Amino acid sequence: MLEASDNVFVERLWRSAKYEEVYIRGYENPRGARQGLGQYFGYYNHERSHQGARIPDAGRGLP
């Protein structure tokens, strides 16, 4: 059942990416989307606070 529980996290990630980045920016081409999402995922993993995270940098995993 690992796959079923992983899907929850992936769905949440893409929901956040769509509402916090994609819909706001309205990319006109794939290159712009690739660059913008690359920057967003860096922000998401290292700077953005995560609800329920027990450590400041949720991108590094739990101790």
N, C-alpha and C. Protein backbone atom coordinates (compact mmCIF):
# COMPACT_ATOMS: atom_id res chain seq x y z
N MET A 1 0.81 -1.21 0.00
CA MET A 1 0.00 0.00 0.00
C MET A 1 0.85 1.26 0.00
N LEU A 2 2.14 1.14 -0.10
CA LEU A 2 2.99 2.30 -0.12
C LEU A 2 2.62 3.24 -1.26
N GLU A 3 2.31 2.72 -2.41
CA GLU A 3 1.95 3.54 -3.56
C GLU A 3 0.70 4.38 -3.30
N ALA A 4 -0.28 3.81 -2.64
CA ALA A 4 -1.52 4.54 -2.37
C ALA A 4 -1.28 5.71 -1.43
N SER A 5 -0.45 5.52 -0.41
CA SER A 5 -0.21 6.62 0.53
C SER A 5 0.73 7.67 -0.07
N ASP A 6 1.64 7.27 -0.96
CA ASP A 6 2.51 8.24 -1.63
C ASP A 6 1.71 9.20 -2.50
N ASN A 7 0.65 8.72 -3.09
CA ASN A 7 -0.15 9.54 -4.00
C ASN A 7 -0.71 10.78 -3.31
N VAL A 8 -1.02 10.70 -2.05
CA VAL A 8 -1.55 11.83 -1.30
C VAL A 8 -0.54 12.98 -1.32
N PHE A 9 0.72 12.67 -1.11
CA PHE A 9 1.75 13.70 -1.07
C PHE A 9 2.00 14.30 -2.44
N VAL A 10 1.99 13.48 -3.46
CA VAL A 10 2.20 13.97 -4.83
C VAL A 10 1.04 14.85 -5.26
N GLU A 11 -0.17 14.45 -4.95
CA GLU A 11 -1.34 15.26 -5.28
C GLU A 11 -1.29 16.61 -4.58
N ARG A 12 -0.87 16.63 -3.33
CA ARG A 12 -0.78 17.88 -2.58
C ARG A 12 0.31 18.78 -3.17
N LEU A 13 1.43 18.18 -3.55
CA LEU A 13 2.50 18.96 -4.17
C LEU A 13 2.03 19.64 -5.44
N TRP A 14 1.37 18.89 -6.34
CA TRP A 14 0.92 19.47 -7.60
C TRP A 14 -0.20 20.48 -7.39
N ARG A 15 -1.03 20.27 -6.40
CA ARG A 15 -2.07 21.27 -6.10
C ARG A 15 -1.41 22.58 -5.68
N SER A 16 -0.42 22.50 -4.80
CA SER A 16 0.30 23.70 -4.37
C SER A 16 0.99 24.37 -5.55
N ALA A 17 1.65 23.59 -6.39
CA ALA A 17 2.36 24.15 -7.55
C ALA A 17 1.39 24.86 -8.48
N LYS A 18 0.25 24.28 -8.73
CA LYS A 18 -0.72 24.90 -9.63
C LYS A 18 -1.24 26.22 -9.07
N TYR A 19 -1.65 26.22 -7.81
CA TYR A 19 -2.27 27.42 -7.24
C TYR A 19 -1.28 28.49 -6.83
N GLU A 20 -0.05 28.11 -6.48
CA GLU A 20 0.93 29.09 -6.03
C GLU A 20 1.87 29.54 -7.15
N GLU A 21 1.88 28.84 -8.27
CA GLU A 21 2.84 29.18 -9.33
C GLU A 21 2.20 29.21 -10.71
N VAL A 22 1.69 28.10 -11.17
CA VAL A 22 1.26 27.97 -12.57
C VAL A 22 0.11 28.90 -12.91
N TYR A 23 -0.95 28.90 -12.12
CA TYR A 23 -2.11 29.74 -12.43
C TYR A 23 -1.78 31.23 -12.32
N ILE A 24 -0.89 31.58 -11.42
CA ILE A 24 -0.52 32.98 -11.23
C ILE A 24 0.32 33.49 -12.39
N ARG A 25 1.27 32.68 -12.84
CA ARG A 25 2.23 33.11 -13.87
C ARG A 25 1.67 33.01 -15.29
N GLY A 26 0.84 32.01 -15.55
CA GLY A 26 0.28 31.84 -16.89
C GLY A 26 1.35 31.71 -17.96
N TYR A 27 2.21 30.75 -17.84
CA TYR A 27 3.32 30.56 -18.77
C TYR A 27 2.86 30.50 -20.21
N GLU A 28 3.64 31.11 -21.08
CA GLU A 28 3.30 31.14 -22.50
C GLU A 28 4.00 30.05 -23.31
N ASN A 29 5.03 29.42 -22.73
CA ASN A 29 5.73 28.37 -23.46
C ASN A 29 6.35 27.37 -22.47
N PRO A 30 6.71 26.19 -22.96
CA PRO A 30 7.27 25.16 -22.07
C PRO A 30 8.58 25.58 -21.40
N ARG A 31 9.40 26.35 -22.10
CA ARG A 31 10.67 26.78 -21.50
C ARG A 31 10.43 27.64 -20.26
N GLY A 32 9.50 28.57 -20.35
CA GLY A 32 9.17 29.41 -19.20
C GLY A 32 8.60 28.61 -18.06
N ALA A 33 7.76 27.64 -18.38
CA ALA A 33 7.17 26.78 -17.35
C ALA A 33 8.26 25.96 -16.66
N ARG A 34 9.17 25.41 -17.43
CA ARG A 34 10.25 24.59 -16.87
C ARG A 34 11.11 25.43 -15.93
N GLN A 35 11.48 26.62 -16.34
CA GLN A 35 12.30 27.49 -15.50
C GLN A 35 11.55 27.93 -14.25
N GLY A 36 10.31 28.35 -14.43
CA GLY A 36 9.52 28.81 -13.29
C GLY A 36 9.25 27.71 -12.28
N LEU A 37 8.92 26.53 -12.76
CA LEU A 37 8.66 25.42 -11.85
C LEU A 37 9.93 24.95 -11.16
N GLY A 38 11.05 25.03 -11.87
CA GLY A 38 12.33 24.70 -11.23
C GLY A 38 12.61 25.60 -10.05
N GLN A 39 12.37 26.88 -10.23
CA GLN A 39 12.55 27.84 -9.14
C GLN A 39 11.53 27.59 -8.02
N TYR A 40 10.30 27.31 -8.42
CA TYR A 40 9.25 27.07 -7.42
C TYR A 40 9.57 25.85 -6.56
N PHE A 41 10.03 24.77 -7.18
CA PHE A 41 10.32 23.56 -6.40
C PHE A 41 11.51 23.77 -5.47
N GLY A 42 12.47 24.60 -5.87
CA GLY A 42 13.55 24.96 -4.96
C GLY A 42 13.01 25.70 -3.75
N TYR A 43 12.12 26.66 -4.00
CA TYR A 43 11.45 27.38 -2.92
C TYR A 43 10.61 26.43 -2.07
N TYR A 44 9.84 25.56 -2.71
CA TYR A 44 8.96 24.64 -2.01
C TYR A 44 9.75 23.72 -1.07
N ASN A 45 10.88 23.24 -1.54
CA ASN A 45 11.66 22.28 -0.75
C ASN A 45 12.50 22.91 0.34
N HIS A 46 12.91 24.17 0.16
CA HIS A 46 13.89 24.73 1.09
C HIS A 46 13.44 25.96 1.86
N GLU A 47 12.40 26.65 1.41
CA GLU A 47 12.02 27.89 2.06
C GLU A 47 10.57 27.91 2.55
N ARG A 48 9.68 27.31 1.80
CA ARG A 48 8.26 27.36 2.12
C ARG A 48 7.98 26.55 3.38
N SER A 49 7.17 27.10 4.28
CA SER A 49 6.79 26.33 5.47
C SER A 49 5.77 25.27 5.07
N HIS A 50 5.87 24.13 5.71
CA HIS A 50 4.98 23.01 5.41
C HIS A 50 4.12 22.70 6.62
N GLN A 51 2.84 22.64 6.41
CA GLN A 51 1.92 22.35 7.51
C GLN A 51 2.24 20.97 8.08
N GLY A 52 2.39 20.91 9.38
CA GLY A 52 2.62 19.63 10.04
C GLY A 52 4.06 19.18 10.00
N ALA A 53 4.95 19.93 9.40
CA ALA A 53 6.36 19.54 9.35
C ALA A 53 6.97 19.67 10.74
N ARG A 54 7.77 18.68 11.11
CA ARG A 54 8.39 18.70 12.42
C ARG A 54 9.78 19.33 12.38
N ILE A 55 10.29 19.60 11.20
CA ILE A 55 11.58 20.25 11.07
C ILE A 55 11.44 21.41 10.10
N PRO A 56 12.29 22.43 10.19
CA PRO A 56 12.15 23.60 9.31
C PRO A 56 12.26 23.29 7.83
N ASP A 57 13.16 22.37 7.44
CA ASP A 57 13.37 22.05 6.03
C ASP A 57 12.72 20.72 5.70
N ALA A 58 11.45 20.73 5.34
CA ALA A 58 10.72 19.49 5.10
C ALA A 58 11.26 18.71 3.92
N GLY A 59 12.02 19.33 3.04
CA GLY A 59 12.59 18.65 1.89
C GLY A 59 13.68 17.67 2.25
N ARG A 60 14.18 17.72 3.48
CA ARG A 60 15.27 16.82 3.90
C ARG A 60 14.77 15.59 4.62
N GLY A 61 13.51 15.48 4.90
CA GLY A 61 12.97 14.29 5.57
C GLY A 61 12.98 14.43 7.07
N LEU A 62 12.42 13.48 7.73
CA LEU A 62 12.32 13.50 9.18
C LEU A 62 13.51 12.79 9.81
N PRO A 63 13.90 13.21 11.01
CA PRO A 63 15.05 12.57 11.69
C PRO A 63 14.75 11.14 12.07
